[in-house]
């Protein structure tokens, strides 16, 4: 692994363990076993390193979504994409919080755009089958909002002095939004 990648991996480790508020170049240099001037040579300053780490985290999120085997059934692929996103936040809540924080600060991160576009494409496939009860834009907004809501339950568990949410709570959030956006077909059994 080259020096740049070693420092970036160390920065992700610090973000994962400490979060953005406690992020320090001192911790990164200790893990990467490099000097501060080496870190600054590659990243300019602490914010440059933090930005690079967050961009890398978004790339990892997007790459995990691409690597996931999605169903050929658009409704199922939409649910799987939602689950993949929330699972990332559940596994890496401090990194997820730092990622969202950077976006809220106005950063433009290409991998974040790609991740959102993957959601839009999944919604458009459902719309093409005539299965949306709302507009494609409203569906994308609702799915995006619900995935982020579920993800923040993992981020805020420690603040709330609570355990991470139960899987059935996460499933309820997902399925509630699916009931809103999808045309509900009557069961064949109810006839």
C-alpha atoms as a PDB file:
ATOM      1  CA  UNK A   1       0.000   0.000   0.000  1.00  0.00           C
ATOM      2  CA  UNK A   2       1.410   3.396  -0.944  1.00  0.00           C
ATOM      3  CA  UNK A   3       1.776   6.219   1.572  1.00  0.00           C
ATOM      4  CA  UNK A   4      -1.311   8.129   0.359  1.00  0.00           C
ATOM      5  CA  UNK A   5      -3.531   5.051   0.705  1.00  0.00           C
ATOM      6  CA  UNK A   6      -2.009   4.192   4.084  1.00  0.00           C
ATOM      7  CA  UNK A   7      -2.811   7.674   5.428  1.00  0.00           C
ATOM      8  CA  UNK A   8      -6.320   7.566   3.932  1.00  0.00           C
ATOM      9  CA  UNK A   9      -6.999   4.154   5.519  1.00  0.00           C
ATOM     10  CA  UNK A  10      -5.789   5.500   8.862  1.00  0.00           C
ATOM     11  CA  UNK A  11      -8.068   8.542   8.517  1.00  0.00           C
ATOM     12  CA  UNK A  12     -11.050   6.268   7.876  1.00  0.00           C
ATOM     13  CA  UNK A  13     -10.128   4.231  10.943  1.00  0.00           C
ATOM     14  CA  UNK A  14     -10.010   7.368  13.097  1.00  0.00           C
ATOM     15  CA  UNK A  15     -13.350   8.530  11.695  1.00  0.00           C
ATOM     16  CA  UNK A  16     -14.831   5.099  12.361  1.00  0.00           C
ATOM     17  CA  UNK A  17     -13.620   4.997  15.945  1.00  0.00           C
ATOM     18  CA  UNK A  18     -13.784   8.654  16.986  1.00  0.00           C
ATOM     19  CA  UNK A  19     -16.106  10.440  14.548  1.00  0.00           C
ATOM     20  CA  UNK A  20     -15.604  13.762  12.841  1.00  0.00           C
ATOM     21  CA  UNK A  21     -15.634  15.889  15.992  1.00  0.00           C
ATOM     22  CA  UNK A  22     -12.676  14.008  17.487  1.00  0.00           C
ATOM     23  CA  UNK A  23     -10.777  13.617  14.200  1.00  0.00           C
ATOM     24  CA  UNK A  24      -7.105  14.499  14.584  1.00  0.00           C
ATOM     25  CA  UNK A  25      -4.070  14.332  12.356  1.00  0.00           C
ATOM     26  CA  UNK A  26      -2.037  13.179  15.349  1.00  0.00           C
ATOM     27  CA  UNK A  27      -4.150  10.011  15.611  1.00  0.00           C
ATOM     28  CA  UNK A  28      -3.923   9.465  11.859  1.00  0.00           C
ATOM     29  CA  UNK A  29      -0.135   9.833  11.762  1.00  0.00           C
ATOM     30  CA  UNK A  30       0.214   7.398  14.677  1.00  0.00           C
ATOM     31  CA  UNK A  31      -1.882   4.739  12.952  1.00  0.00           C
ATOM     32  CA  UNK A  32      -0.319   5.294   9.524  1.00  0.00           C
ATOM     33  CA  UNK A  33       3.160   5.516  11.050  1.00  0.00           C
ATOM     34  CA  UNK A  34       4.043   8.629   9.085  1.00  0.00           C
ATOM     35  CA  UNK A  35       5.183  12.093  10.092  1.00  0.00           C
ATOM     36  CA  UNK A  36       2.952  15.158  10.054  1.00  0.00           C
ATOM     37  CA  UNK A  37       4.917  16.700   7.146  1.00  0.00           C
ATOM     38  CA  UNK A  38       4.258  13.543   5.110  1.00  0.00           C
ATOM     39  CA  UNK A  39       0.541  13.791   5.838  1.00  0.00           C
ATOM     40  CA  UNK A  40       0.507  17.491   4.908  1.00  0.00           C
ATOM     41  CA  UNK A  41       2.480  16.788   1.731  1.00  0.00           C
ATOM     42  CA  UNK A  42      -0.277  14.443   0.531  1.00  0.00           C
ATOM     43  CA  UNK A  43      -3.393  16.210   1.860  1.00  0.00           C
ATOM     44  CA  UNK A  44      -2.441  19.850   2.478  1.00  0.00           C
ATOM     45  CA  UNK A  45      -4.025  20.140   5.910  1.00  0.00           C
ATOM     46  CA  UNK A  46      -6.369  18.363   8.333  1.00  0.00           C
ATOM     47  CA  UNK A  47      -9.471  19.472   6.437  1.00  0.00           C
ATOM     48  CA  UNK A  48      -7.997  18.203   3.170  1.00  0.00           C
ATOM     49  CA  UNK A  49      -7.420  14.827   4.794  1.00  0.00           C
ATOM     50  CA  UNK A  50     -10.895  14.756   6.318  1.00  0.00           C
ATOM     51  CA  UNK A  51     -12.427  15.680   2.956  1.00  0.00           C
ATOM     52  CA  UNK A  52     -10.474  12.930   1.205  1.00  0.00           C
ATOM     53  CA  UNK A  53     -11.567  10.398   3.835  1.00  0.00           C
ATOM     54  CA  UNK A  54     -15.219  11.375   3.444  1.00  0.00           C
ATOM     55  CA  UNK A  55     -15.001  11.182  -0.347  1.00  0.00           C
ATOM     56  CA  UNK A  56     -13.479   7.719   0.062  1.00  0.00           C
ATOM     57  CA  UNK A  57     -16.296   6.680   2.407  1.00  0.00           C
ATOM     58  CA  UNK A  58     -18.879   7.779  -0.178  1.00  0.00           C
ATOM     59  CA  UNK A  59     -16.992   5.799  -2.824  1.00  0.00           C
ATOM     60  CA  UNK A  60     -17.087   2.743  -0.560  1.00  0.00           C
ATOM     61  CA  UNK A  61     -20.833   3.183  -0.040  1.00  0.00           C
ATOM     62  CA  UNK A  62     -21.437   3.513  -3.779  1.00  0.00           C
ATOM     63  CA  UNK A  63     -19.141   0.591  -4.608  1.00  0.00           C
ATOM     64  CA  UNK A  64     -20.940  -1.591  -2.069  1.00  0.00           C
ATOM     65  CA  UNK A  65     -24.247  -0.715  -3.722  1.00  0.00           C
ATOM     66  CA  UNK A  66     -22.849  -1.609  -7.149  1.00  0.00           C
ATOM     67  CA  UNK A  67     -21.346  -4.858  -5.858  1.00  0.00           C
ATOM     68  CA  UNK A  68     -24.635  -5.924  -4.262  1.00  0.00           C
ATOM     69  CA  UNK A  69     -26.632  -8.333  -6.346  1.00  0.00           C
ATOM     70  CA  UNK A  70     -29.938  -6.624  -6.927  1.00  0.00           C
ATOM     71  CA  UNK A  71     -33.131  -8.327  -7.856  1.00  0.00           C
ATOM     72  CA  UNK A  72     -34.371  -8.010 -11.417  1.00  0.00           C
ATOM     73  CA  UNK A  73     -37.761  -7.138  -9.918  1.00  0.00           C
ATOM     74  CA  UNK A  74     -37.716  -3.313  -9.617  1.00  0.00           C
ATOM     75  CA  UNK A  75     -39.729  -3.172  -6.362  1.00  0.00           C
ATOM     76  CA  UNK A  76     -37.378  -5.661  -4.721  1.00  0.00           C
ATOM     77  CA  UNK A  77     -34.291  -3.842  -6.062  1.00  0.00           C
ATOM     78  CA  UNK A  78     -35.628  -0.616  -4.546  1.00  0.00           C
ATOM     79  CA  UNK A  79     -35.980  -2.291  -1.148  1.00  0.00           C
ATOM     80  CA  UNK A  80     -32.529  -3.867  -1.456  1.00  0.00           C
ATOM     81  CA  UNK A  81     -30.957  -0.496  -2.298  1.00  0.00           C
ATOM     82  CA  UNK A  82     -32.657   1.015   0.754  1.00  0.00           C
ATOM     83  CA  UNK A  83     -31.398  -1.850   2.926  1.00  0.00           C
ATOM     84  CA  UNK A  84     -27.828  -1.527   1.575  1.00  0.00           C
ATOM     85  CA  UNK A  85     -27.761   2.177   2.389  1.00  0.00           C
ATOM     86  CA  UNK A  86     -29.094   1.722   5.922  1.00  0.00           C
ATOM     87  CA  UNK A  87     -26.815  -1.263   6.527  1.00  0.00           C
ATOM     88  CA  UNK A  88     -23.798   0.934   5.678  1.00  0.00           C
ATOM     89  CA  UNK A  89     -24.910   3.529   8.250  1.00  0.00           C
ATOM     90  CA  UNK A  90     -25.599   0.810  10.816  1.00  0.00           C
ATOM     91  CA  UNK A  91     -22.132  -0.671  10.386  1.00  0.00           C
ATOM     92  CA  UNK A  92     -20.326   2.689  10.289  1.00  0.00           C
ATOM     93  CA  UNK A  93     -22.453   5.260  12.124  1.00  0.00           C
ATOM     94  CA  UNK A  94     -19.646   7.726  12.898  1.00  0.00           C
ATOM     95  CA  UNK A  95     -18.444   7.729   9.307  1.00  0.00           C
ATOM     96  CA  UNK A  96     -22.022   8.076   8.065  1.00  0.00           C
ATOM     97  CA  UNK A  97     -22.551  11.088  10.365  1.00  0.00           C
ATOM     98  CA  UNK A  98     -19.338  12.704   9.085  1.00  0.00           C
ATOM     99  CA  UNK A  99     -20.414  12.039   5.489  1.00  0.00           C
ATOM    100  CA  UNK A 100     -23.808  13.670   5.965  1.00  0.00           C
ATOM    101  CA  UNK A 101     -22.238  16.531   7.895  1.00  0.00           C
ATOM    102  CA  UNK A 102     -19.907  17.284   5.012  1.00  0.00           C
ATOM    103  CA  UNK A 103     -22.828  17.323   2.568  1.00  0.00           C
ATOM    104  CA  UNK A 104     -24.767  19.658   4.856  1.00  0.00           C
ATOM    105  CA  UNK A 105     -21.753  21.977   4.854  1.00  0.00           C
ATOM    106  CA  UNK A 106     -22.204  22.256   1.085  1.00  0.00           C
ATOM    107  CA  UNK A 107     -19.550  19.882  -0.209  1.00  0.00           C
ATOM    108  CA  UNK A 108     -20.152  18.425  -3.648  1.00  0.00           C
ATOM    109  CA  UNK A 109     -19.142  14.764  -3.642  1.00  0.00           C
ATOM    110  CA  UNK A 110     -19.495  12.899  -6.908  1.00  0.00           C
ATOM    111  CA  UNK A 111     -19.952   9.477  -5.292  1.00  0.00           C
ATOM    112  CA  UNK A 112     -22.838  10.895  -3.217  1.00  0.00           C
ATOM    113  CA  UNK A 113     -24.476  12.074  -6.433  1.00  0.00           C
ATOM    114  CA  UNK A 114     -23.991   8.619  -7.964  1.00  0.00           C
ATOM    115  CA  UNK A 115     -25.558   6.963  -4.937  1.00  0.00           C
ATOM    116  CA  UNK A 116     -28.618   9.198  -5.179  1.00  0.00           C
ATOM    117  CA  UNK A 117     -28.838   8.619  -8.936  1.00  0.00           C
ATOM    118  CA  UNK A 118     -28.874   4.854  -8.326  1.00  0.00           C
ATOM    119  CA  UNK A 119     -31.946   5.411  -6.146  1.00  0.00           C
ATOM    120  CA  UNK A 120     -33.594   7.554  -8.831  1.00  0.00           C
ATOM    121  CA  UNK A 121     -32.929   4.870 -11.447  1.00  0.00           C
ATOM    122  CA  UNK A 122     -34.495   2.199  -9.239  1.00  0.00           C
ATOM    123  CA  UNK A 123     -37.549   4.428  -8.706  1.00  0.00           C
ATOM    124  CA  UNK A 124     -37.798   5.062 -12.450  1.00  0.00           C
ATOM    125  CA  UNK A 125     -37.807   1.312 -13.121  1.00  0.00           C
ATOM    126  CA  UNK A 126     -40.718   0.905 -10.705  1.00  0.00           C
ATOM    127  CA  UNK A 127     -42.482   3.844 -12.398  1.00  0.00           C
ATOM    128  CA  UNK A 128     -41.937   2.263 -15.834  1.00  0.00           C
ATOM    129  CA  UNK A 129     -43.907  -0.746 -14.617  1.00  0.00           C
ATOM    130  CA  UNK A 130     -46.773   1.546 -13.587  1.00  0.00           C
ATOM    131  CA  UNK A 131     -46.409   0.656  -9.909  1.00  0.00           C
ATOM    132  CA  UNK A 132     -45.921   4.089  -8.345  1.00  0.00           C
ATOM    133  CA  UNK A 133     -48.797   5.718  -6.475  1.00  0.00           C
ATOM    134  CA  UNK A 134     -46.938   9.072  -6.409  1.00  0.00           C
ATOM    135  CA  UNK A 135     -44.661  10.900  -8.844  1.00  0.00           C
ATOM    136  CA  UNK A 136     -41.181   9.487  -9.379  1.00  0.00           C
ATOM    137  CA  UNK A 137     -39.671  12.585  -7.736  1.00  0.00           C
ATOM    138  CA  UNK A 138     -41.923  12.244  -4.682  1.00  0.00           C
ATOM    139  CA  UNK A 139     -41.082   8.532  -4.462  1.00  0.00           C
ATOM    140  CA  UNK A 140     -37.335   9.224  -4.640  1.00  0.00           C
ATOM    141  CA  UNK A 141     -37.642  11.946  -1.991  1.00  0.00           C
ATOM    142  CA  UNK A 142     -39.640   9.702   0.339  1.00  0.00           C
ATOM    143  CA  UNK A 143     -37.299   6.730  -0.067  1.00  0.00           C
ATOM    144  CA  UNK A 144     -34.266   8.988   0.443  1.00  0.00           C
ATOM    145  CA  UNK A 145     -35.784  10.602   3.534  1.00  0.00           C
ATOM    146  CA  UNK A 146     -36.812   7.297   5.085  1.00  0.00           C
ATOM    147  CA  UNK A 147     -33.411   5.674   4.490  1.00  0.00           C
ATOM    148  CA  UNK A 148     -31.700   8.642   6.119  1.00  0.00           C
ATOM    149  CA  UNK A 149     -34.184   8.590   9.002  1.00  0.00           C
ATOM    150  CA  UNK A 150     -33.494   4.918   9.658  1.00  0.00           C
ATOM    151  CA  UNK A 151     -29.753   5.544   9.345  1.00  0.00           C
ATOM    152  CA  UNK A 152     -29.852   8.346  11.933  1.00  0.00           C
ATOM    153  CA  UNK A 153     -31.389   5.955  14.440  1.00  0.00           C
ATOM    154  CA  UNK A 154     -28.047   4.128  14.370  1.00  0.00           C
ATOM    155  CA  UNK A 155     -26.059   7.375  14.551  1.00  0.00           C
ATOM    156  CA  UNK A 156     -28.016   8.748  17.493  1.00  0.00           C
ATOM    157  CA  UNK A 157     -28.336   5.543  19.517  1.00  0.00           C
ATOM    158  CA  UNK A 158     -25.386   6.505  21.689  1.00  0.00           C
ATOM    159  CA  UNK A 159     -26.684  10.041  22.225  1.00  0.00           C
ATOM    160  CA  UNK A 160     -30.095   8.672  23.198  1.00  0.00           C
ATOM    161  CA  UNK A 161     -28.375   6.168  25.483  1.00  0.00           C
ATOM    162  CA  UNK A 162     -30.214   3.457  23.623  1.00  0.00           C
ATOM    163  CA  UNK A 163     -29.300   0.286  21.858  1.00  0.00           C
ATOM    164  CA  UNK A 164     -29.303   0.407  18.071  1.00  0.00           C
ATOM    165  CA  UNK A 165     -32.801   0.088  16.643  1.00  0.00           C
ATOM    166  CA  UNK A 166     -34.358  -3.333  16.401  1.00  0.00           C
ATOM    167  CA  UNK A 167     -34.511  -4.810  12.893  1.00  0.00           C
ATOM    168  CA  UNK A 168     -38.317  -4.794  12.974  1.00  0.00           C
ATOM    169  CA  UNK A 169     -38.292  -1.004  13.536  1.00  0.00           C
ATOM    170  CA  UNK A 170     -36.050  -0.532  10.514  1.00  0.00           C
ATOM    171  CA  UNK A 171     -38.286  -2.836   8.458  1.00  0.00           C
ATOM    172  CA  UNK A 172     -41.350  -0.828   9.533  1.00  0.00           C
ATOM    173  CA  UNK A 173     -39.762   2.409   8.355  1.00  0.00           C
ATOM    174  CA  UNK A 174     -38.924   0.885   4.971  1.00  0.00           C
ATOM    175  CA  UNK A 175     -42.277  -0.793   4.489  1.00  0.00           C
ATOM    176  CA  UNK A 176     -44.222   2.291   5.590  1.00  0.00           C
ATOM    177  CA  UNK A 177     -42.662   4.326   2.815  1.00  0.00           C
ATOM    178  CA  UNK A 178     -43.165   1.485   0.328  1.00  0.00           C
ATOM    179  CA  UNK A 179     -46.876   1.454   1.186  1.00  0.00           C
ATOM    180  CA  UNK A 180     -47.020   5.177   0.481  1.00  0.00           C
ATOM    181  CA  UNK A 181     -45.191   5.134  -2.846  1.00  0.00           C
ATOM    182  CA  UNK A 182     -46.367   1.821  -4.355  1.00  0.00           C
ATOM    183  CA  UNK A 183     -49.769   1.089  -5.768  1.00  0.00           C
ATOM    184  CA  UNK A 184     -51.310  -1.431  -3.430  1.00  0.00           C
ATOM    185  CA  UNK A 185     -52.789  -4.408  -5.211  1.00  0.00           C
ATOM    186  CA  UNK A 186     -55.609  -6.270  -3.494  1.00  0.00           C
ATOM    187  CA  UNK A 187     -54.657  -9.784  -2.447  1.00  0.00           C
ATOM    188  CA  UNK A 188     -56.060 -12.542  -4.586  1.00  0.00           C
ATOM    189  CA  UNK A 189     -57.170 -14.261  -1.333  1.00  0.00           C
ATOM    190  CA  UNK A 190     -59.486 -11.396  -0.413  1.00  0.00           C
ATOM    191  CA  UNK A 191     -61.781 -11.976  -3.386  1.00  0.00           C
END
